[in-house]
């Protein structure tokens, strides 16, 4: 499931481009159907991994977050 989330996050973020962001729920909804909420923690974890790899920025209120810091609240994902 994490590989599907990874692929979906990257595809959606690339489609939006570096000037726009996606929500982790966009990827969870794309592959989870009615059970998308069950995938939210995994989607956030995958986003963190992608940020560590330098493929995406994870943002909050427009500011990039440290992928190794604790996050609280809503996040957005932007392709690099």
PDB file of N, CA and C in Angstrom:
ATOM      1  N   UNK A   1       0.828  -1.195   0.000  1.00  0.00           N
ATOM      2  CA  UNK A   1       0.000   0.000   0.000  1.00  0.00           C
ATOM      3  C   UNK A   1       0.872   1.259   0.000  1.00  0.00           C
ATOM      4  N   UNK A   2       1.972   1.234   0.750  1.00  0.00           N
ATOM      5  CA  UNK A   2       2.847   2.410   0.789  1.00  0.00           C
ATOM      6  C   UNK A   2       3.430   2.733  -0.583  1.00  0.00           C
ATOM      7  N   UNK A   3       3.734   1.710  -1.373  1.00  0.00           N
ATOM      8  CA  UNK A   3       4.250   1.956  -2.724  1.00  0.00           C
ATOM      9  C   UNK A   3       3.181   2.614  -3.585  1.00  0.00           C
ATOM     10  N   UNK A   4       1.930   2.195  -3.446  1.00  0.00           N
ATOM     11  CA  UNK A   4       0.837   2.822  -4.205  1.00  0.00           C
ATOM     12  C   UNK A   4       0.651   4.272  -3.766  1.00  0.00           C
ATOM     13  N   UNK A   5       0.743   4.521  -2.470  1.00  0.00           N
ATOM     14  CA  UNK A   5       0.636   5.889  -1.979  1.00  0.00           C
ATOM     15  C   UNK A   5       1.779   6.746  -2.516  1.00  0.00           C
ATOM     16  N   UNK A   6       2.970   6.200  -2.488  1.00  0.00           N
ATOM     17  CA  UNK A   6       4.142   6.918  -2.985  1.00  0.00           C
ATOM     18  C   UNK A   6       3.952   7.315  -4.448  1.00  0.00           C
ATOM     19  N   UNK A   7       3.571   6.352  -5.263  1.00  0.00           N
ATOM     20  CA  UNK A   7       3.365   6.610  -6.689  1.00  0.00           C
ATOM     21  C   UNK A   7       2.270   7.642  -6.912  1.00  0.00           C
ATOM     22  N   UNK A   8       1.183   7.511  -6.180  1.00  0.00           N
ATOM     23  CA  UNK A   8       0.051   8.428  -6.338  1.00  0.00           C
ATOM     24  C   UNK A   8       0.405   9.832  -5.882  1.00  0.00           C
ATOM     25  N   UNK A   9       1.084   9.960  -4.754  1.00  0.00           N
ATOM     26  CA  UNK A   9       1.497  11.285  -4.277  1.00  0.00           C
ATOM     27  C   UNK A   9       2.381  11.961  -5.312  1.00  0.00           C
ATOM     28  N   UNK A  10       3.356  11.236  -5.832  1.00  0.00           N
ATOM     29  CA  UNK A  10       4.263  11.825  -6.822  1.00  0.00           C
ATOM     30  C   UNK A  10       3.525  12.202  -8.099  1.00  0.00           C
ATOM     31  N   UNK A  11       2.622  11.339  -8.569  1.00  0.00           N
ATOM     32  CA  UNK A  11       1.869  11.641  -9.787  1.00  0.00           C
ATOM     33  C   UNK A  11       0.991  12.877  -9.604  1.00  0.00           C
ATOM     34  N   UNK A  12       0.248  12.923  -8.507  1.00  0.00           N
ATOM     35  CA  UNK A  12      -0.638  14.055  -8.262  1.00  0.00           C
ATOM     36  C   UNK A  12       0.151  15.354  -8.096  1.00  0.00           C
ATOM     37  N   UNK A  13       1.254  15.284  -7.366  1.00  0.00           N
ATOM     38  CA  UNK A  13       2.065  16.485  -7.136  1.00  0.00           C
ATOM     39  C   UNK A  13       2.701  16.963  -8.438  1.00  0.00           C
ATOM     40  N   UNK A  14       3.144  16.045  -9.276  1.00  0.00           N
ATOM     41  CA  UNK A  14       3.726  16.439 -10.571  1.00  0.00           C
ATOM     42  C   UNK A  14       2.679  17.095 -11.453  1.00  0.00           C
ATOM     43  N   UNK A  15       1.455  16.556 -11.436  1.00  0.00           N
ATOM     44  CA  UNK A  15       0.373  17.137 -12.228  1.00  0.00           C
ATOM     45  C   UNK A  15       0.081  18.578 -11.797  1.00  0.00           C
ATOM     46  N   UNK A  16       0.135  18.840 -10.504  1.00  0.00           N
ATOM     47  CA  UNK A  16      -0.136  20.190  -9.996  1.00  0.00           C
ATOM     48  C   UNK A  16       1.030  21.136 -10.236  1.00  0.00           C
ATOM     49  N   UNK A  17       2.232  20.598 -10.275  1.00  0.00           N
ATOM     50  CA  UNK A  17       3.407  21.425 -10.518  1.00  0.00           C
ATOM     51  C   UNK A  17       3.976  22.023  -9.244  1.00  0.00           C
ATOM     52  N   UNK A  18       5.165  22.630  -9.339  1.00  0.00           N
ATOM     53  CA  UNK A  18       5.878  23.122  -8.155  1.00  0.00           C
ATOM     54  C   UNK A  18       5.266  24.375  -7.520  1.00  0.00           C
ATOM     55  N   UNK A  19       4.303  24.991  -8.188  1.00  0.00           N
ATOM     56  CA  UNK A  19       3.684  26.190  -7.628  1.00  0.00           C
ATOM     57  C   UNK A  19       2.406  25.889  -6.853  1.00  0.00           C
ATOM     58  N   UNK A  20       1.978  24.636  -6.854  1.00  0.00           N
ATOM     59  CA  UNK A  20       0.745  24.254  -6.160  1.00  0.00           C
ATOM     60  C   UNK A  20       1.007  23.023  -5.310  1.00  0.00           C
ATOM     61  N   UNK A  21       0.082  22.736  -4.417  1.00  0.00           N
ATOM     62  CA  UNK A  21       0.260  21.612  -3.497  1.00  0.00           C
ATOM     63  C   UNK A  21      -0.927  20.659  -3.573  1.00  0.00           C
ATOM     64  N   UNK A  22      -0.713  19.477  -3.012  1.00  0.00           N
ATOM     65  CA  UNK A  22      -1.797  18.519  -2.813  1.00  0.00           C
ATOM     66  C   UNK A  22      -1.892  18.225  -1.325  1.00  0.00           C
ATOM     67  N   UNK A  23      -2.997  17.666  -0.931  1.00  0.00           N
ATOM     68  CA  UNK A  23      -3.193  17.209   0.437  1.00  0.00           C
ATOM     69  C   UNK A  23      -2.929  15.707   0.472  1.00  0.00           C
ATOM     70  N   UNK A  24      -2.394  15.185   1.562  1.00  0.00           N
ATOM     71  CA  UNK A  24      -2.233  13.732   1.647  1.00  0.00           C
ATOM     72  C   UNK A  24      -3.555  13.000   1.410  1.00  0.00           C
ATOM     73  N   UNK A  25      -4.665  13.638   1.754  1.00  0.00           N
ATOM     74  CA  UNK A  25      -5.966  12.994   1.550  1.00  0.00           C
ATOM     75  C   UNK A  25      -6.280  12.811   0.071  1.00  0.00           C
ATOM     76  N   UNK A  26      -5.711  13.637  -0.804  1.00  0.00           N
ATOM     77  CA  UNK A  26      -5.926  13.458  -2.242  1.00  0.00           C
ATOM     78  C   UNK A  26      -5.430  12.081  -2.684  1.00  0.00           C
ATOM     79  N   UNK A  27      -4.255  11.708  -2.217  1.00  0.00           N
ATOM     80  CA  UNK A  27      -3.702  10.401  -2.557  1.00  0.00           C
ATOM     81  C   UNK A  27      -4.483   9.284  -1.867  1.00  0.00           C
ATOM     82  N   UNK A  28      -4.825   9.484  -0.606  1.00  0.00           N
ATOM     83  CA  UNK A  28      -5.581   8.470   0.130  1.00  0.00           C
ATOM     84  C   UNK A  28      -6.935   8.220  -0.535  1.00  0.00           C
ATOM     85  N   UNK A  29      -7.594   9.272  -0.964  1.00  0.00           N
ATOM     86  CA  UNK A  29      -8.897   9.137  -1.632  1.00  0.00           C
ATOM     87  C   UNK A  29      -8.753   8.438  -2.982  1.00  0.00           C
ATOM     88  N   UNK A  30      -7.671   8.742  -3.692  1.00  0.00           N
ATOM     89  CA  UNK A  30      -7.466   8.167  -5.020  1.00  0.00           C
ATOM     90  C   UNK A  30      -7.335   6.652  -4.980  1.00  0.00           C
ATOM     91  N   UNK A  31      -6.756   6.132  -3.908  1.00  0.00           N
ATOM     92  CA  UNK A  31      -6.563   4.676  -3.876  1.00  0.00           C
ATOM     93  C   UNK A  31      -7.389   3.977  -2.799  1.00  0.00           C
ATOM     94  N   UNK A  32      -7.931   4.732  -1.853  1.00  0.00           N
ATOM     95  CA  UNK A  32      -8.631   4.105  -0.739  1.00  0.00           C
ATOM     96  C   UNK A  32     -10.133   4.007  -0.867  1.00  0.00           C
ATOM     97  N   UNK A  33     -10.705   4.728  -1.838  1.00  0.00           N
ATOM     98  CA  UNK A  33     -12.157   4.705  -1.978  1.00  0.00           C
ATOM     99  C   UNK A  33     -12.838   5.189  -0.705  1.00  0.00           C
ATOM    100  N   UNK A  34     -13.881   4.498  -0.305  1.00  0.00           N
ATOM    101  CA  UNK A  34     -14.645   4.883   0.880  1.00  0.00           C
ATOM    102  C   UNK A  34     -13.840   4.777   2.172  1.00  0.00           C
ATOM    103  N   UNK A  35     -12.778   3.994   2.150  1.00  0.00           N
ATOM    104  CA  UNK A  35     -11.960   3.783   3.350  1.00  0.00           C
ATOM    105  C   UNK A  35     -10.708   4.661   3.358  1.00  0.00           C
ATOM    106  N   UNK A  36     -10.730   5.778   2.634  1.00  0.00           N
ATOM    107  CA  UNK A  36      -9.544   6.614   2.485  1.00  0.00           C
ATOM    108  C   UNK A  36      -9.003   7.107   3.812  1.00  0.00           C
ATOM    109  N   UNK A  37      -9.876   7.333   4.789  1.00  0.00           N
ATOM    110  CA  UNK A  37      -9.407   7.862   6.086  1.00  0.00           C
ATOM    111  C   UNK A  37      -8.447   6.894   6.778  1.00  0.00           C
ATOM    112  N   UNK A  38      -8.622   5.612   6.519  1.00  0.00           N
ATOM    113  CA  UNK A  38      -7.727   4.607   7.106  1.00  0.00           C
ATOM    114  C   UNK A  38      -6.294   4.737   6.581  1.00  0.00           C
ATOM    115  N   UNK A  39      -6.124   5.414   5.458  1.00  0.00           N
ATOM    116  CA  UNK A  39      -4.802   5.549   4.839  1.00  0.00           C
ATOM    117  C   UNK A  39      -4.091   6.855   5.183  1.00  0.00           C
ATOM    118  N   UNK A  40      -4.733   7.723   5.926  1.00  0.00           N
ATOM    119  CA  UNK A  40      -4.158   9.049   6.173  1.00  0.00           C
ATOM    120  C   UNK A  40      -2.823   9.010   6.909  1.00  0.00           C
ATOM    121  N   UNK A  41      -2.705   8.220   7.948  1.00  0.00           N
ATOM    122  CA  UNK A  41      -1.410   8.142   8.650  1.00  0.00           C
ATOM    123  C   UNK A  41      -0.318   7.635   7.717  1.00  0.00           C
ATOM    124  N   UNK A  42      -0.656   6.631   6.915  1.00  0.00           N
ATOM    125  CA  UNK A  42       0.320   6.100   5.962  1.00  0.00           C
ATOM    126  C   UNK A  42       0.689   7.146   4.920  1.00  0.00           C
ATOM    127  N   UNK A  43      -0.295   7.907   4.438  1.00  0.00           N
ATOM    128  CA  UNK A  43      -0.025   8.943   3.437  1.00  0.00           C
ATOM    129  C   UNK A  43       0.918  10.005   4.000  1.00  0.00           C
ATOM    130  N   UNK A  44       0.709  10.388   5.238  1.00  0.00           N
ATOM    131  CA  UNK A  44       1.604  11.366   5.869  1.00  0.00           C
ATOM    132  C   UNK A  44       3.010  10.785   6.042  1.00  0.00           C
ATOM    133  N   UNK A  45       3.099   9.514   6.408  1.00  0.00           N
ATOM    134  CA  UNK A  45       4.403   8.868   6.557  1.00  0.00           C
ATOM    135  C   UNK A  45       5.146   8.791   5.223  1.00  0.00           C
ATOM    136  N   UNK A  46       4.410   8.468   4.164  1.00  0.00           N
ATOM    137  CA  UNK A  46       5.019   8.403   2.835  1.00  0.00           C
ATOM    138  C   UNK A  46       5.485   9.801   2.411  1.00  0.00           C
ATOM    139  N   UNK A  47       4.681  10.815   2.688  1.00  0.00           N
ATOM    140  CA  UNK A  47       5.085  12.189   2.368  1.00  0.00           C
ATOM    141  C   UNK A  47       6.372  12.556   3.099  1.00  0.00           C
ATOM    142  N   UNK A  48       6.479  12.140   4.341  1.00  0.00           N
ATOM    143  CA  UNK A  48       7.694  12.400   5.123  1.00  0.00           C
ATOM    144  C   UNK A  48       8.899  11.729   4.459  1.00  0.00           C
ATOM    145  N   UNK A  49       8.744  10.495   4.035  1.00  0.00           N
ATOM    146  CA  UNK A  49       9.834   9.773   3.364  1.00  0.00           C
ATOM    147  C   UNK A  49      10.240  10.459   2.063  1.00  0.00           C
ATOM    148  N   UNK A  50       9.239  10.892   1.292  1.00  0.00           N
ATOM    149  CA  UNK A  50       9.531  11.587   0.040  1.00  0.00           C
ATOM    150  C   UNK A  50      10.253  12.903   0.289  1.00  0.00           C
ATOM    151  N   UNK A  51       9.898  13.582   1.358  1.00  0.00           N
ATOM    152  CA  UNK A  51      10.583  14.832   1.713  1.00  0.00           C
ATOM    153  C   UNK A  51      12.027  14.550   2.119  1.00  0.00           C
ATOM    154  N   UNK A  52      12.243  13.479   2.846  1.00  0.00           N
ATOM    155  CA  UNK A  52      13.620  13.118   3.228  1.00  0.00           C
ATOM    156  C   UNK A  52      14.469  12.825   2.001  1.00  0.00           C
ATOM    157  N   UNK A  53      13.836  12.252   0.968  1.00  0.00           N
ATOM    158  CA  UNK A  53      14.550  11.930  -0.276  1.00  0.00           C
ATOM    159  C   UNK A  53      14.759  13.164  -1.151  1.00  0.00           C
ATOM    160  N   UNK A  54      14.137  14.272  -0.782  1.00  0.00           N
ATOM    161  CA  UNK A  54      14.277  15.488  -1.564  1.00  0.00           C
ATOM    162  C   UNK A  54      13.376  15.563  -2.781  1.00  0.00           C
ATOM    163  N   UNK A  55      12.365  14.698  -2.853  1.00  0.00           N
ATOM    164  CA  UNK A  55      11.470  14.687  -4.002  1.00  0.00           C
ATOM    165  C   UNK A  55      10.311  15.665  -3.856  1.00  0.00           C
ATOM    166  N   UNK A  56       9.909  15.919  -2.623  1.00  0.00           N
ATOM    167  CA  UNK A  56       8.802  16.839  -2.357  1.00  0.00           C
ATOM    168  C   UNK A  56       9.161  17.723  -1.166  1.00  0.00           C
ATOM    169  N   UNK A  57       8.420  18.805  -1.037  1.00  0.00           N
ATOM    170  CA  UNK A  57       8.433  19.600   0.181  1.00  0.00           C
ATOM    171  C   UNK A  57       7.103  19.358   0.873  1.00  0.00           C
ATOM    172  N   UNK A  58       7.151  19.182   2.153  1.00  0.00           N
ATOM    173  CA  UNK A  58       5.931  19.119   2.942  1.00  0.00           C
ATOM    174  C   UNK A  58       5.795  20.486   3.596  1.00  0.00           C
ATOM    175  N   UNK A  59       4.640  21.104   3.412  1.00  0.00           N
ATOM    176  CA  UNK A  59       4.458  22.471   3.879  1.00  0.00           C
ATOM    177  C   UNK A  59       3.287  22.587   4.842  1.00  0.00           C
ATOM    178  N   UNK A  60       3.343  23.660   5.587  1.00  0.00           N
ATOM    179  CA  UNK A  60       2.251  24.026   6.485  1.00  0.00           C
ATOM    180  C   UNK A  60       2.194  25.552   6.473  1.00  0.00           C
ATOM    181  N   UNK A  61       1.046  26.070   6.103  1.00  0.00           N
ATOM    182  CA  UNK A  61       0.869  27.530   5.969  1.00  0.00           C
ATOM    183  C   UNK A  61       1.918  28.128   5.037  1.00  0.00           C
ATOM    184  N   UNK A  62       2.277  27.367   3.995  1.00  0.00           N
ATOM    185  CA  UNK A  62       3.208  27.849   2.991  1.00  0.00           C
ATOM    186  C   UNK A  62       4.674  27.669   3.301  1.00  0.00           C
ATOM    187  N   UNK A  63       4.992  27.271   4.524  1.00  0.00           N
ATOM    188  CA  UNK A  63       6.386  27.086   4.922  1.00  0.00           C
ATOM    189  C   UNK A  63       6.774  25.618   4.876  1.00  0.00           C
ATOM    190  N   UNK A  64       7.957  25.334   4.326  1.00  0.00           N
ATOM    191  CA  UNK A  64       8.452  23.961   4.273  1.00  0.00           C
ATOM    192  C   UNK A  64       8.748  23.466   5.688  1.00  0.00           C
ATOM    193  N   UNK A  65       8.360  22.222   5.943  1.00  0.00           N
ATOM    194  CA  UNK A  65       8.600  21.598   7.244  1.00  0.00           C
ATOM    195  C   UNK A  65       9.825  20.709   7.191  1.00  0.00           C
ATOM    196  N   UNK A  66      10.480  20.569   8.310  1.00  0.00           N
ATOM    197  CA  UNK A  66      11.587  19.627   8.456  1.00  0.00           C
ATOM    198  C   UNK A  66      10.992  18.223   8.480  1.00  0.00           C
ATOM    199  N   UNK A  67      11.425  17.348   7.568  1.00  0.00           N
ATOM    200  CA  UNK A  67      10.846  16.006   7.541  1.00  0.00           C
ATOM    201  C   UNK A  67      11.148  15.182   8.794  1.00  0.00           C
ATOM    202  N   UNK A  68      12.124  15.611   9.576  1.00  0.00           N
ATOM    203  CA  UNK A  68      12.468  14.871  10.780  1.00  0.00           C
ATOM    204  C   UNK A  68      11.843  15.454  12.046  1.00  0.00           C
ATOM    205  N   UNK A  69      11.112  16.554  11.906  1.00  0.00           N
ATOM    206  CA  UNK A  69      10.465  17.184  13.061  1.00  0.00           C
ATOM    207  C   UNK A  69       9.081  16.555  13.288  1.00  0.00           C
ATOM    208  N   UNK A  70       8.544  16.793  14.462  1.00  0.00           N
ATOM    209  CA  UNK A  70       7.168  16.367  14.743  1.00  0.00           C
ATOM    210  C   UNK A  70       6.216  17.338  14.058  1.00  0.00           C
ATOM    211  N   UNK A  71       5.199  16.805  13.403  1.00  0.00           N
ATOM    212  CA  UNK A  71       4.216  17.637  12.720  1.00  0.00           C
ATOM    213  C   UNK A  71       2.893  17.569  13.445  1.00  0.00           C
ATOM    214  N   UNK A  72       2.207  18.712  13.471  1.00  0.00           N
ATOM    215  CA  UNK A  72       0.852  18.763  14.011  1.00  0.00           C
ATOM    216  C   UNK A  72       0.001  19.568  13.044  1.00  0.00           C
ATOM    217  N   UNK A  73      -1.204  19.141  12.871  1.00  0.00           N
ATOM    218  CA  UNK A  73      -2.118  19.881  12.016  1.00  0.00           C
ATOM    219  C   UNK A  73      -2.012  19.500  10.551  1.00  0.00           C
ATOM    220  N   UNK A  74      -2.768  20.218   9.721  1.00  0.00           N
ATOM    221  CA  UNK A  74      -2.810  19.895   8.295  1.00  0.00           C
ATOM    222  C   UNK A  74      -1.496  20.222   7.591  1.00  0.00           C
ATOM    223  N   UNK A  75      -1.159  19.369   6.636  1.00  0.00           N
ATOM    224  CA  UNK A  75       0.037  19.572   5.826  1.00  0.00           C
ATOM    225  C   UNK A  75      -0.350  19.548   4.358  1.00  0.00           C
ATOM    226  N   UNK A  76       0.539  20.060   3.538  1.00  0.00           N
ATOM    227  CA  UNK A  76       0.382  20.027   2.089  1.00  0.00           C
ATOM    228  C   UNK A  76       1.679  19.486   1.504  1.00  0.00           C
ATOM    229  N   UNK A  77       1.600  18.961   0.278  1.00  0.00           N
ATOM    230  CA  UNK A  77       2.760  18.361  -0.382  1.00  0.00           C
ATOM    231  C   UNK A  77       2.979  19.066  -1.719  1.00  0.00           C
ATOM    232  N   UNK A  78       4.237  19.472  -1.966  1.00  0.00           N
ATOM    233  CA  UNK A  78       4.593  20.176  -3.187  1.00  0.00           C
ATOM    234  C   UNK A  78       5.767  19.444  -3.842  1.00  0.00           C
ATOM    235  N   UNK A  79       5.644  19.186  -5.136  1.00  0.00           N
ATOM    236  CA  UNK A  79       6.748  18.552  -5.852  1.00  0.00           C
ATOM    237  C   UNK A  79       7.921  19.519  -5.924  1.00  0.00           C
ATOM    238  N   UNK A  80       9.121  19.013  -5.905  1.00  0.00           N
ATOM    239  CA  UNK A  80      10.314  19.874  -6.040  1.00  0.00           C
ATOM    240  C   UNK A  80      10.699  19.975  -7.485  1.00  0.00           C
TER     241      UNK A  80
END
